[in-house]
Protein backbone atom coordinates (compact mmCIF):
# COMPACT_ATOMS: atom_id res chain seq x y z
CA MET A 1 59.25 160.77 -94.09
CA ASN A 2 56.50 163.41 -93.84
CA GLN A 3 55.37 165.24 -96.92
CA VAL A 4 56.14 168.94 -97.19
CA ILE A 5 53.11 171.21 -96.78
CA SER A 6 52.77 173.86 -99.46
CA ILE A 7 50.44 176.68 -98.39
CA GLY A 8 48.22 178.13 -101.08
CA LYS A 9 49.27 175.85 -103.94
CA GLN A 10 46.14 174.99 -105.88
CA ASP A 11 47.67 173.40 -108.95
CA TYR A 12 46.99 169.67 -108.77
CA ALA A 13 49.83 168.63 -111.10
CA SER A 14 52.55 170.43 -109.15
CA LEU A 15 51.24 169.10 -105.81
CA ARG A 16 51.57 165.56 -107.10
CA GLU A 17 54.86 166.10 -108.92
CA GLU A 18 56.54 167.57 -105.84
CA ASN A 19 54.90 165.07 -103.47
CA TYR A 20 53.46 167.86 -101.35
CA PHE A 21 50.90 167.08 -98.62
CA PHE A 22 47.69 166.01 -100.32
CA ILE A 23 44.47 164.28 -99.23
CA ASP A 24 42.97 162.05 -101.91
CA LYS A 25 39.69 163.50 -103.19
CA THR A 26 39.74 161.72 -106.57
CA ASP A 27 36.46 159.97 -105.75
CA PHE A 28 34.93 163.29 -106.76
CA ILE A 29 35.91 162.54 -110.36
CA LYS A 30 33.99 159.27 -110.35
CA LYS A 31 30.94 160.66 -108.54
CA TRP A 32 30.66 163.62 -110.89
CA TRP A 33 31.19 161.61 -114.07
CA GLU A 34 28.70 158.92 -113.13
CA ALA A 35 26.06 161.50 -112.13
CA GLY A 36 25.81 162.41 -115.81
CA ASP A 37 24.64 165.99 -115.24
CA GLU A 38 25.26 168.44 -118.06
CA ILE A 39 26.04 171.48 -115.92
CA THR A 40 26.86 171.22 -112.22
CA LEU A 41 27.13 174.24 -109.96
CA ILE A 42 28.81 173.50 -106.63
CA ALA A 43 28.64 176.07 -103.82
CA ARG A 44 31.23 175.77 -101.06
CA PRO A 45 32.90 178.30 -98.71
CA ARG A 46 36.17 179.91 -99.78
CA ARG A 47 39.41 178.00 -99.23
CA PHE A 48 37.58 174.68 -99.26
CA GLY A 49 39.45 172.99 -102.08
CA LYS A 50 37.23 174.13 -104.94
CA THR A 51 40.10 175.33 -107.11
CA LEU A 52 42.26 172.29 -106.36
CA ASN A 53 39.39 169.95 -107.26
CA MET A 54 38.78 171.85 -110.49
CA SER A 55 42.49 171.62 -111.31
CA MET A 56 42.26 167.89 -110.55
CA LEU A 57 39.34 167.51 -113.00
CA ASN A 58 41.34 169.37 -115.62
CA CYS A 59 44.38 167.11 -115.15
CA PHE A 60 42.23 164.01 -115.29
CA PHE A 61 40.10 164.75 -118.34
CA SER A 62 42.20 167.13 -120.45
CA ASN A 63 43.97 165.58 -123.43
CA LYS A 64 46.86 167.91 -122.63
CA TYR A 65 47.58 165.47 -119.75
CA LYS A 66 47.03 162.23 -121.69
CA GLN A 67 50.60 161.08 -120.93
CA ARG A 68 50.34 161.94 -117.22
CA ALA A 69 48.88 158.81 -115.67
CA ASP A 70 51.50 159.27 -112.92
CA LEU A 71 49.37 162.08 -111.49
CA PHE A 72 46.69 159.57 -110.47
CA GLN A 73 48.48 156.30 -109.91
CA GLY A 74 48.04 154.99 -106.39
CA LEU A 75 44.93 157.09 -105.78
CA SER A 76 41.32 156.01 -105.39
CA ILE A 77 40.28 156.82 -108.96
CA TRP A 78 43.00 154.57 -110.40
CA LYS A 79 41.51 151.39 -108.92
CA GLU A 80 39.09 151.00 -111.83
CA GLU A 81 40.38 150.27 -115.31
CA LYS A 82 37.62 152.20 -117.07
CA TYR A 83 38.82 155.40 -115.41
CA GLN A 84 42.40 154.66 -116.35
CA LYS A 85 41.18 154.55 -119.95
CA LEU A 86 39.15 157.77 -119.51
CA GLN A 87 42.07 159.86 -118.25
CA GLY A 88 43.38 162.43 -120.74
CA THR A 89 40.71 161.89 -123.39
CA ARG A 90 38.74 165.15 -123.57
CA PRO A 91 39.32 168.74 -124.67
CA VAL A 92 38.90 170.90 -121.56
CA ILE A 93 38.43 174.66 -121.17
CA PHE A 94 39.47 175.69 -117.65
CA LEU A 95 39.15 179.26 -116.41
CA SER A 96 38.66 181.13 -113.14
CA PHE A 97 36.95 184.39 -112.16
CA ALA A 98 38.64 184.44 -108.73
CA ASP A 99 40.60 187.61 -109.55
CA VAL A 100 37.68 189.59 -111.00
CA LYS A 101 37.37 192.02 -108.10
CA GLN A 102 37.16 195.34 -109.92
CA THR A 103 35.16 198.23 -108.50
CA ASN A 104 33.45 199.29 -111.75
CA TYR A 105 31.71 197.70 -114.72
CA LEU A 106 34.24 198.47 -117.46
CA ASP A 107 37.19 197.14 -115.50
CA ALA A 108 35.31 194.00 -114.44
CA VAL A 109 34.24 193.14 -117.99
CA GLY A 110 37.72 194.07 -119.22
CA LYS A 111 39.22 191.60 -116.74
CA ILE A 112 36.92 188.81 -117.93
CA LYS A 113 37.84 189.55 -121.55
CA ARG A 114 41.50 189.29 -120.65
CA ILE A 115 40.89 185.92 -118.96
CA ILE A 116 39.06 184.58 -122.00
CA ALA A 117 41.79 185.84 -124.34
CA THR A 118 44.42 184.09 -122.21
CA VAL A 119 42.49 180.83 -122.43
CA PHE A 120 42.46 181.11 -126.22
CA GLN A 121 46.24 181.42 -126.29
CA GLN A 122 46.48 178.01 -124.63
CA PHE A 123 45.18 176.44 -127.83
CA LYS A 124 47.46 177.95 -130.47
CA GLU A 125 47.69 174.55 -132.18
CA LEU A 126 44.27 175.25 -133.67
CA PHE A 127 45.94 177.67 -136.12
CA GLN A 128 47.88 174.82 -137.68
CA THR A 129 44.88 172.69 -138.60
CA GLU A 130 43.02 172.67 -141.89
CA LEU A 131 39.85 171.71 -140.02
CA LEU A 132 39.18 175.37 -139.23
CA SER A 133 38.03 177.67 -141.99
CA GLU A 134 39.75 180.96 -142.66
CA GLN A 135 36.75 182.72 -141.17
CA GLN A 136 37.04 180.70 -137.98
CA LYS A 137 40.75 181.44 -137.75
CA ALA A 138 39.96 185.13 -138.19
CA GLN A 139 37.39 184.91 -135.40
CA PHE A 140 40.03 183.24 -133.24
CA LYS A 141 42.39 186.16 -133.81
CA ASN A 142 39.63 188.63 -132.87
CA VAL A 143 39.53 187.27 -129.31
CA THR A 144 41.75 189.81 -127.57
CA PRO A 145 41.50 191.83 -124.34
CA ASP A 146 40.10 194.67 -126.49
CA MET A 147 37.28 192.67 -128.10
CA ASP A 148 33.71 193.99 -127.97
CA ASP A 149 31.12 192.58 -125.60
CA VAL A 150 29.31 190.48 -128.22
CA THR A 151 32.57 188.80 -129.30
CA ALA A 152 33.44 188.07 -125.67
CA GLN A 153 30.01 186.62 -124.89
CA SER A 154 30.22 184.10 -127.76
CA ALA A 155 33.97 183.40 -127.47
CA LEU A 156 33.80 180.30 -125.26
CA GLN A 157 31.15 178.71 -127.48
CA ASP A 158 33.36 179.46 -130.50
CA LEU A 159 36.37 177.90 -128.78
CA SER A 160 34.25 174.85 -127.94
CA CYS A 161 33.43 174.53 -131.64
CA TYR A 162 37.10 174.78 -132.70
CA LEU A 163 38.22 172.21 -130.11
CA SER A 164 35.40 169.84 -131.03
CA LEU A 165 36.41 170.01 -134.70
CA TYR A 166 40.09 169.51 -133.88
CA TYR A 167 39.78 166.66 -131.38
CA GLY A 168 36.56 165.05 -132.60
CA LYS A 169 34.93 165.22 -129.16
CA LYS A 170 32.74 167.66 -127.32
CA VAL A 171 34.37 169.78 -124.64
CA ILE A 172 34.28 169.93 -120.85
CA ILE A 173 34.17 173.46 -119.42
CA LEU A 174 35.36 174.20 -115.88
CA LEU A 175 34.60 177.66 -114.46
CA ASP A 176 36.01 178.28 -110.99
CA GLU A 177 34.75 181.01 -108.60
CA TYR A 178 32.02 182.11 -110.99
CA ASP A 179 30.35 184.34 -108.39
CA THR A 180 33.31 186.45 -107.23
CA PRO A 181 32.53 189.24 -109.72
CA MET A 182 28.82 189.03 -108.80
CA GLN A 183 29.50 190.04 -105.22
CA GLU A 184 31.82 192.83 -106.33
CA ALA A 185 29.21 194.12 -108.76
CA TYR A 186 26.60 194.22 -106.02
CA VAL A 187 28.82 195.83 -103.40
CA ASN A 188 30.19 198.42 -105.83
CA GLY A 189 26.89 199.34 -107.49
CA TYR A 190 27.13 198.06 -111.06
CA TRP A 191 25.01 194.94 -110.62
CA GLU A 192 22.38 195.39 -113.36
CA GLU A 193 24.68 196.13 -116.30
CA PHE A 194 27.19 193.50 -115.21
CA THR A 195 24.61 190.71 -114.86
CA ALA A 196 23.27 191.58 -118.32
CA PHE A 197 26.76 190.87 -119.72
CA ILE A 198 27.21 187.69 -117.65
CA ARG A 199 23.77 186.39 -118.59
CA GLY A 200 24.71 186.63 -122.26
CA LEU A 201 28.08 184.96 -121.65
CA PHE A 202 26.58 182.08 -119.65
CA ASN A 203 23.71 181.56 -122.07
CA SER A 204 26.10 181.19 -125.01
CA THR A 205 28.61 179.07 -123.09
CA PHE A 206 26.31 176.71 -121.21
CA LYS A 207 22.79 176.83 -122.70
CA THR A 208 23.03 177.14 -126.48
CA ASN A 209 26.47 175.53 -126.85
CA PRO A 210 26.05 172.39 -129.04
CA TYR A 211 29.73 171.50 -128.53
CA LEU A 212 29.50 171.19 -124.75
CA GLU A 213 29.65 167.72 -123.21
CA ARG A 214 29.61 168.72 -119.55
CA ALA A 215 30.50 171.62 -117.30
CA VAL A 216 31.28 172.34 -113.66
CA MET A 217 30.98 175.74 -112.03
CA THR A 218 32.11 176.47 -108.47
CA GLY A 219 31.52 179.41 -106.18
CA ILE A 220 30.57 180.39 -102.67
CA THR A 221 26.93 181.25 -103.31
CA ARG A 222 24.11 179.96 -105.43
CA VAL A 223 22.98 183.05 -107.33
CA SER A 224 19.31 182.84 -108.26
CA LYS A 225 18.00 182.01 -111.71
CA GLU A 226 16.32 185.39 -111.91
CA SER A 227 19.74 187.03 -111.69
CA ILE A 228 21.93 185.22 -114.23
CA PHE A 229 20.67 181.70 -114.87
CA SER A 230 17.23 182.50 -116.26
CA ASP A 231 17.86 180.45 -119.42
CA LEU A 232 19.75 177.56 -117.84
CA ASN A 233 17.18 174.82 -117.24
CA ASN A 234 19.97 172.21 -117.50
CA LEU A 235 21.67 173.33 -114.29
CA THR A 236 22.18 170.98 -111.30
CA VAL A 237 22.85 172.99 -108.14
CA ILE A 238 24.74 171.58 -105.16
CA THR A 239 24.47 173.74 -102.03
CA THR A 240 25.90 173.22 -98.55
CA THR A 241 22.79 171.25 -97.55
CA SER A 242 22.86 168.93 -100.58
CA GLU A 243 23.80 165.30 -100.02
CA ARG A 244 25.78 164.88 -103.23
CA TYR A 245 29.54 165.48 -103.09
CA SER A 246 29.23 166.08 -99.34
CA ASP A 247 32.60 164.40 -98.67
CA CYS A 248 34.44 165.77 -101.71
CA PHE A 249 35.32 169.23 -100.38
CA GLY A 250 36.99 169.86 -97.03
CA PHE A 251 38.75 167.36 -94.78
CA ALA A 252 36.88 164.67 -92.83
CA GLU A 253 37.75 164.25 -89.17
CA LYS A 254 39.41 160.89 -89.83
CA GLU A 255 41.65 162.51 -92.45
CA VAL A 256 42.52 165.40 -90.12
CA PHE A 257 43.35 163.20 -87.15
CA GLN A 258 45.53 160.95 -89.33
CA ALA A 259 47.40 164.00 -90.60
CA LEU A 260 47.90 165.29 -87.04
CA ASP A 261 49.37 161.94 -86.05
CA ASN A 262 51.63 161.88 -89.12
CA PHE A 263 52.99 165.34 -88.35
CA GLY A 264 53.52 164.69 -84.65
CA LYS A 265 50.59 166.81 -83.47
CA GLY A 266 48.24 164.08 -82.31
CA ASP A 267 48.02 165.61 -78.84
CA GLN A 268 46.30 168.68 -80.33
CA LYS A 269 43.22 166.88 -81.67
CA GLU A 270 40.80 168.31 -79.09
CA ASN A 271 41.97 171.91 -79.61
CA VAL A 272 42.00 171.53 -83.38
CA LYS A 273 38.44 170.21 -83.24
CA LYS A 274 37.25 173.23 -81.23
CA TRP A 275 38.91 175.66 -83.58
CA TYR A 276 38.41 174.18 -87.04
CA ASP A 277 35.66 171.50 -86.92
CA GLY A 278 31.95 172.13 -87.34
CA PHE A 279 31.28 172.48 -91.06
CA THR A 280 28.43 170.36 -92.40
CA PHE A 281 27.59 169.47 -96.00
CA GLY A 282 24.35 167.59 -96.38
CA LYS A 283 24.31 165.08 -93.53
CA GLN A 284 28.10 164.91 -93.47
CA LYS A 285 29.29 166.44 -90.20
CA ASP A 286 32.72 167.03 -88.66
CA ILE A 287 34.20 168.62 -91.78
CA TYR A 288 37.30 170.76 -91.32
CA ASN A 289 38.50 173.70 -93.36
CA PRO A 290 41.54 172.61 -95.45
CA TRP A 291 43.19 176.02 -95.33
CA SER A 292 43.23 176.15 -91.54
CA ILE A 293 44.35 172.54 -91.15
CA THR A 294 47.26 172.83 -93.59
CA ASN A 295 48.38 176.08 -91.97
CA PHE A 296 48.19 174.52 -88.50
CA LEU A 297 50.13 171.46 -89.64
CA LYS A 298 52.84 173.72 -91.05
CA GLU A 299 52.98 176.39 -88.33
CA GLY A 300 51.88 174.42 -85.27
CA TYR A 301 49.87 177.28 -83.75
CA LEU A 302 46.12 177.69 -83.28
CA ARG A 303 45.24 180.83 -85.22
CA PRO A 304 42.27 182.14 -87.24
CA TYR A 305 44.02 181.32 -90.52
CA TRP A 306 40.90 180.97 -92.66
CA ALA A 307 38.95 183.79 -91.03
CA SER A 308 41.79 186.21 -91.85
CA THR A 309 41.79 185.59 -95.61
CA SER A 310 38.78 187.67 -96.66
CA SER A 311 37.39 191.16 -96.11
CA ASN A 312 33.76 189.89 -96.00
CA GLY A 313 32.63 193.19 -97.48
CA LEU A 314 29.10 192.11 -98.43
CA ILE A 315 28.39 190.38 -95.11
CA ASN A 316 29.75 193.35 -93.18
CA LYS A 317 27.62 195.75 -95.19
CA MET A 318 24.45 193.73 -94.57
CA LEU A 319 25.03 193.20 -90.85
CA GLN A 320 25.98 196.77 -90.00
CA SER A 321 22.73 198.14 -91.40
CA ALA A 322 20.56 195.19 -90.37
CA SER A 323 17.47 195.67 -88.25
CA PRO A 324 17.57 195.32 -84.46
CA GLU A 325 15.85 191.94 -84.89
CA ILE A 326 18.72 190.57 -87.00
CA LYS A 327 21.31 191.97 -84.57
CA THR A 328 19.41 190.38 -81.69
CA GLU A 329 19.72 187.02 -83.45
CA MET A 330 23.45 187.67 -83.80
CA GLU A 331 23.61 188.29 -80.04
CA VAL A 332 22.10 184.84 -79.48
CA LEU A 333 24.67 183.27 -81.80
CA LEU A 334 27.57 185.09 -80.14
CA SER A 335 26.39 183.77 -76.78
CA GLY A 336 26.76 180.23 -78.11
CA GLY A 337 23.07 179.81 -78.81
CA MET A 338 21.12 178.62 -81.82
CA ILE A 339 18.59 180.48 -83.96
CA GLU A 340 15.84 179.31 -86.30
CA ALA A 341 15.45 181.02 -89.68
CA ASN A 342 13.47 180.51 -92.86
CA PHE A 343 15.20 181.50 -96.09
CA ASP A 344 15.99 180.42 -99.64
CA GLU A 345 19.50 179.07 -100.16
CA GLN A 346 19.74 180.85 -103.48
CA ILE A 347 21.04 184.42 -103.33
CA VAL A 348 18.87 187.04 -105.04
CA PHE A 349 21.20 190.01 -104.91
CA GLU A 350 18.52 192.46 -106.01
CA GLN A 351 16.46 191.47 -102.95
CA LEU A 352 19.19 191.52 -100.31
CA GLU A 353 18.07 194.88 -98.97
CA LYS A 354 14.38 193.88 -99.08
CA ASP A 355 14.60 190.43 -97.50
CA GLU A 356 16.68 190.58 -94.33
CA ASN A 357 16.65 186.79 -93.93
CA ALA A 358 18.96 186.62 -96.94
CA ILE A 359 21.84 187.38 -94.57
CA TRP A 360 21.43 183.91 -93.05
CA SER A 361 21.65 182.31 -96.48
CA LEU A 362 24.83 184.26 -97.19
CA LEU A 363 26.38 183.40 -93.81
CA LEU A 364 25.54 179.72 -94.27
CA ALA A 365 26.98 179.59 -97.80
CA SER A 366 30.11 181.40 -96.61
CA GLY A 367 30.69 178.82 -93.86
CA TYR A 368 30.26 181.14 -90.88
CA LEU A 369 27.12 179.36 -89.72
CA LYS A 370 26.38 175.65 -89.68
CA VAL A 371 23.10 173.78 -89.96
CA GLU A 372 22.26 171.81 -86.84
CA GLU A 373 18.94 170.65 -88.26
CA ILE A 374 16.48 171.44 -91.07
CA GLU A 375 12.82 171.35 -90.05
CA TYR A 376 10.07 171.41 -92.70
CA ARG A 377 6.96 173.18 -91.49
CA GLY A 378 3.43 173.74 -92.70
CA GLU A 379 1.52 172.48 -95.69
CA MET A 380 4.12 173.93 -98.06
CA LEU A 381 6.98 172.27 -96.12
CA ASP A 382 8.91 175.52 -95.76
CA PRO A 383 12.49 174.83 -94.61
CA TRP A 384 13.44 176.22 -91.20
CA TYR A 385 17.16 176.09 -90.54
CA HIS A 386 18.51 175.66 -87.01
CA LEU A 387 21.80 177.59 -87.15
CA SER A 388 24.79 178.15 -84.90
CA ILE A 389 28.28 179.63 -85.29
CA THR A 390 30.55 177.05 -86.88
CA ASN A 391 33.57 177.03 -84.54
CA LEU A 392 36.02 179.19 -82.60
CA GLU A 393 37.71 180.39 -85.77
CA THR A 394 34.48 181.73 -87.24
CA MET A 395 33.65 183.23 -83.85
CA SER A 396 36.90 185.19 -84.13
CA MET A 397 35.83 186.44 -87.55
CA PHE A 398 32.61 187.85 -86.14
CA SER A 399 34.53 189.36 -83.23
CA ASN A 400 36.90 191.20 -85.56
CA MET A 401 34.01 192.37 -87.71
CA PHE A 402 32.06 193.82 -84.79
CA LYS A 403 35.15 195.48 -83.33
CA GLY A 404 35.81 196.92 -86.76
CA TRP A 405 32.49 198.74 -86.67
CA PHE A 406 34.06 201.15 -84.20
CA SER A 407 37.40 201.46 -86.00
CA GLY A 408 36.69 205.09 -86.86
CA SER A 409 36.35 205.89 -83.17
CA LEU A 410 38.27 203.01 -81.65
CA SER A 411 40.14 205.02 -79.04
CA GLU A 412 36.91 206.65 -77.89
CA TYR A 413 35.16 203.26 -77.79
CA ASN A 414 37.95 201.70 -75.75
CA GLY A 415 37.94 204.78 -73.51
CA PHE A 416 34.23 204.36 -72.92
CA VAL A 417 34.63 200.67 -71.97
CA LYS A 418 37.37 201.52 -69.46
CA ALA A 419 35.29 204.34 -67.99
CA LEU A 420 32.28 202.01 -67.75
CA LEU A 421 34.24 199.45 -65.75
CA ILE A 422 35.67 201.97 -63.28
CA GLY A 423 32.43 203.94 -62.96
CA ASP A 424 33.64 207.29 -64.37
CA VAL A 425 30.32 208.71 -65.61
CA GLU A 426 31.83 211.98 -66.83
CA ALA A 427 34.33 210.12 -69.03
CA MET A 428 31.58 207.74 -70.20
CA ASN A 429 29.55 210.71 -71.43
CA HIS A 430 32.52 212.20 -73.26
CA TYR A 431 33.56 209.03 -75.01
CA MET A 432 30.06 207.78 -75.83
CA ASN A 433 29.11 211.05 -77.52
CA GLU A 434 32.24 210.83 -79.66
CA VAL A 435 31.44 207.22 -80.58
CA ALA A 436 27.78 207.99 -81.34
CA LEU A 437 28.69 210.97 -83.49
CA ALA A 438 31.06 208.87 -85.55
CA THR A 439 28.93 205.73 -85.92
CA PHE A 440 25.22 206.55 -85.75
CA SER A 441 24.72 206.78 -89.51
CA TYR A 442 26.93 203.71 -89.92
CA PHE A 443 24.30 201.61 -88.12
CA ASP A 444 21.31 203.26 -89.78
CA THR A 445 19.99 202.00 -93.11
CA GLY A 446 21.80 204.75 -94.99
CA LYS A 447 18.57 205.69 -96.76
CA SER A 448 16.80 207.90 -94.26
CA TYR A 449 17.66 209.07 -90.78
CA SER A 450 15.19 207.91 -88.17
CA GLU A 451 15.06 209.57 -84.75
CA LYS A 452 13.75 206.32 -83.26
CA GLU A 453 15.40 203.58 -85.34
CA ALA A 454 18.95 204.94 -85.47
CA PRO A 455 19.48 204.82 -81.67
CA GLU A 456 18.06 201.30 -81.57
CA ARG A 457 20.33 200.13 -84.41
CA PHE A 458 23.25 201.83 -82.71
CA TYR A 459 22.38 200.19 -79.39
CA HIS A 460 22.41 196.70 -80.90
CA GLY A 461 25.61 197.37 -82.83
CA PHE A 462 27.19 198.74 -79.67
CA LEU A 463 26.02 195.65 -77.78
CA LEU A 464 27.62 193.28 -80.30
CA GLY A 465 30.86 195.20 -80.01
CA LEU A 466 30.65 195.07 -76.22
CA MET A 467 29.97 191.32 -76.29
CA VAL A 468 33.15 190.55 -78.22
CA GLU A 469 35.27 193.19 -76.44
CA GLN A 470 34.46 191.91 -72.95
CA ARG A 471 33.96 188.24 -73.82
CA GLU A 472 36.75 187.09 -71.49
CA ASN A 473 35.58 189.17 -68.51
CA TYR A 474 31.80 189.15 -68.73
CA ILE A 475 28.80 187.08 -69.66
CA ILE A 476 26.62 189.60 -71.43
CA HIS A 477 22.86 189.15 -71.68
CA SER A 478 20.42 191.37 -73.54
CA ASN A 479 16.66 191.81 -73.59
CA ARG A 480 16.07 189.10 -70.99
CA GLU A 481 13.42 188.85 -68.31
CA SER A 482 14.40 189.72 -64.76
CA GLY A 483 12.11 190.93 -62.03
CA PHE A 484 9.02 192.44 -63.67
CA GLY A 485 10.34 193.23 -67.13
CA ARG A 486 13.12 192.95 -69.69
CA TYR A 487 16.37 194.81 -69.22
CA ASP A 488 18.42 196.06 -72.17
CA ILE A 489 21.91 194.86 -71.19
CA MET A 490 23.24 192.97 -68.19
CA MET A 491 26.97 192.38 -67.72
CA ILE A 492 27.70 189.50 -65.35
CA PRO A 493 31.34 188.96 -64.27
CA ARG A 494 32.53 185.50 -65.33
CA GLU A 495 34.08 184.95 -61.91
CA GLY A 496 30.70 185.51 -60.28
CA LYS A 497 30.12 187.26 -56.98
CA SER A 498 33.80 186.85 -56.01
CA SER A 499 34.93 188.96 -58.96
CA LYS A 500 36.54 192.35 -58.48
CA LEU A 501 34.64 193.59 -61.51
CA PRO A 502 31.18 195.12 -60.99
CA ALA A 503 27.95 193.63 -62.29
CA ILE A 504 26.31 196.19 -64.57
CA VAL A 505 22.77 196.88 -65.78
CA LEU A 506 22.30 199.25 -68.74
CA GLU A 507 18.97 200.71 -69.86
CA PHE A 508 18.62 202.66 -73.13
CA LYS A 509 15.86 205.19 -73.82
CA VAL A 510 15.11 207.57 -76.69
CA HIS A 511 14.07 211.02 -75.43
CA ASN A 512 10.32 211.55 -75.71
CA LYS A 513 9.46 215.26 -75.68
CA ASN A 514 5.87 214.50 -74.72
CA ARG A 515 6.94 212.69 -71.54
CA GLU A 516 10.27 214.23 -70.55
CA LYS A 517 11.34 217.85 -70.55
CA SER A 518 15.05 217.12 -70.89
CA LEU A 519 17.61 214.38 -71.50
CA GLU A 520 18.25 214.42 -67.76
CA ASP A 521 14.61 213.42 -67.22
CA THR A 522 15.01 210.57 -69.74
CA VAL A 523 18.09 209.31 -67.89
CA GLU A 524 16.18 209.40 -64.60
CA ALA A 525 13.30 207.50 -66.23
CA ALA A 526 15.74 204.80 -67.41
CA LEU A 527 17.31 204.48 -63.95
CA GLN A 528 13.90 204.42 -62.26
CA GLN A 529 12.78 201.68 -64.63
CA ILE A 530 15.72 199.50 -63.52
CA ILE A 531 14.53 199.91 -59.92
CA ASP A 532 10.79 199.65 -60.53
CA LYS A 533 11.14 196.54 -62.71
CA ALA A 534 13.60 194.93 -60.25
CA TYR A 535 16.13 194.14 -62.97
CA ASP A 536 18.68 193.36 -60.24
CA ARG A 537 16.78 190.26 -59.19
CA GLU A 538 18.69 187.92 -61.51
CA LEU A 539 22.02 189.18 -60.15
CA ILE A 540 20.90 189.02 -56.51
CA GLU A 541 19.76 185.43 -57.01
CA MET A 542 23.30 184.71 -58.21
CA GLY A 543 24.71 186.01 -54.93
CA PHE A 544 25.69 189.57 -55.87
CA VAL A 545 25.06 192.22 -53.23
CA LYS A 546 23.73 195.66 -54.14
CA GLU A 547 27.16 197.26 -53.62
CA GLN A 548 28.52 195.09 -56.45
CA ILE A 549 25.83 196.20 -58.93
CA ARG A 550 25.90 199.41 -60.98
CA HIS A 551 23.00 200.96 -62.88
CA TYR A 552 23.42 203.20 -65.93
CA GLY A 553 20.70 204.96 -67.87
CA PHE A 554 21.37 206.06 -71.47
CA ALA A 555 19.26 208.79 -73.04
CA PHE A 556 19.37 209.46 -76.81
CA GLU A 557 18.24 212.53 -78.70
CA GLY A 558 19.35 212.40 -82.30
CA LYS A 559 23.10 211.75 -82.16
CA LYS A 560 23.40 213.19 -78.67
CA VAL A 561 23.75 210.83 -75.70
CA LEU A 562 23.50 211.46 -71.96
CA ILE A 563 24.48 208.81 -69.41
CA GLY A 564 23.65 208.84 -65.73
């Protein structure tokens, strides 16, 4: 009889008690314990089993579960007697910052204080012991949602002390989704004051805590030492390219295919692989996202389950205002290509706007890009990452993001695309001016308006939107050589020369008052360039005749556009 699949349940004990669908990852317990590291930070994409694995560690080590050997019997970890004896023998503090998504500093810190206060209430038995002094009991009572910052920052170290006195052993601390509030602080503009608070909390909890035996922290990103870990020299960081624990998060292909067979969906292996395979951790390839697989097993339909579970606010913000060079790289990725980028896997939030390559680090950590190869170059062995889009599901995420860039003028954008395909230049001019008016500043840096840069940023943003909007009808190339130069955009019907759709060449130009008297002159210059540079040559070599090819010149002056 097949197990029942429970979507979204991340409590290890209840999964085992109810015999819900579960893939054995208890080897993680052994690998982590035998590594002997004091503090381990593990970065994995969202919905990749981080919370479930942390809950599993809690159930295994916490003395609150010392009578619950049934939770592990029959699993990999239970094969060795020494681990049977280790189960349920340690005081464990387990907390999560997954819900700390407030838009301002006071609410974010207030939420963390409430989480800490709730953890304290899980250990009420400490009030009954004579091992704690009256002063310590008073300090315990002071840990409330209304406590001051200093009390909150030292609270977890204090609780470690109380538990160590009570149980006679040092504590294990498990902090899940540590970086969720970091991203919110950055996006919502309270980064500096928030990280000052977090730095104090982490220093007290993980660095100067004499009652700490070991700790695990999980998150999506590795936030740099300069940001919040400046004092933690005892931190072992596991990123997506690290070899350790590479098979402990996510489902291996063998596990996925076995599950498909068990649930009567073995005939869908090829489609499931296209949609949900592609994640790599270290050298471990063919890793599948657990959230998507469990949803598919339950629902039976191929859908972007995982890609639909997050707003991706930080990534969206960085991409929309990225330089034309970054957007050009995104065009390569959307076309199924691979890019090469040099970056640091740690996220330095203060430098995100200064170092554009940080977007690749964020996209890799988030799971939207995968590493095909790491190449070490030069005397300093700088890492160059060969990156591609992970799978069809992540491709759909990018598609929705780029379409969303025009959400404020979606009807005008769609109207423009329709007018473009039928050759209605008057309608194209109407709709494109509406779109440009609504979105120009959206694609600029937001710091200063540039007469030259804004149109170029808009052009590349528009191109990305066009690539995902017309993906099924057209192969869209940009900035490629044809004839005697490089065209801006070429739209090639997927059905080739037999298609009823036209082949289209678009050339964009910013009005230059020194060369052209009017926008009309700029349009004519763009159209003449298509002819003079023989941009049609690529299409003609593919068998298209001139009657099947349309030329459009776009002229920009500020937020005004003229198309001819």
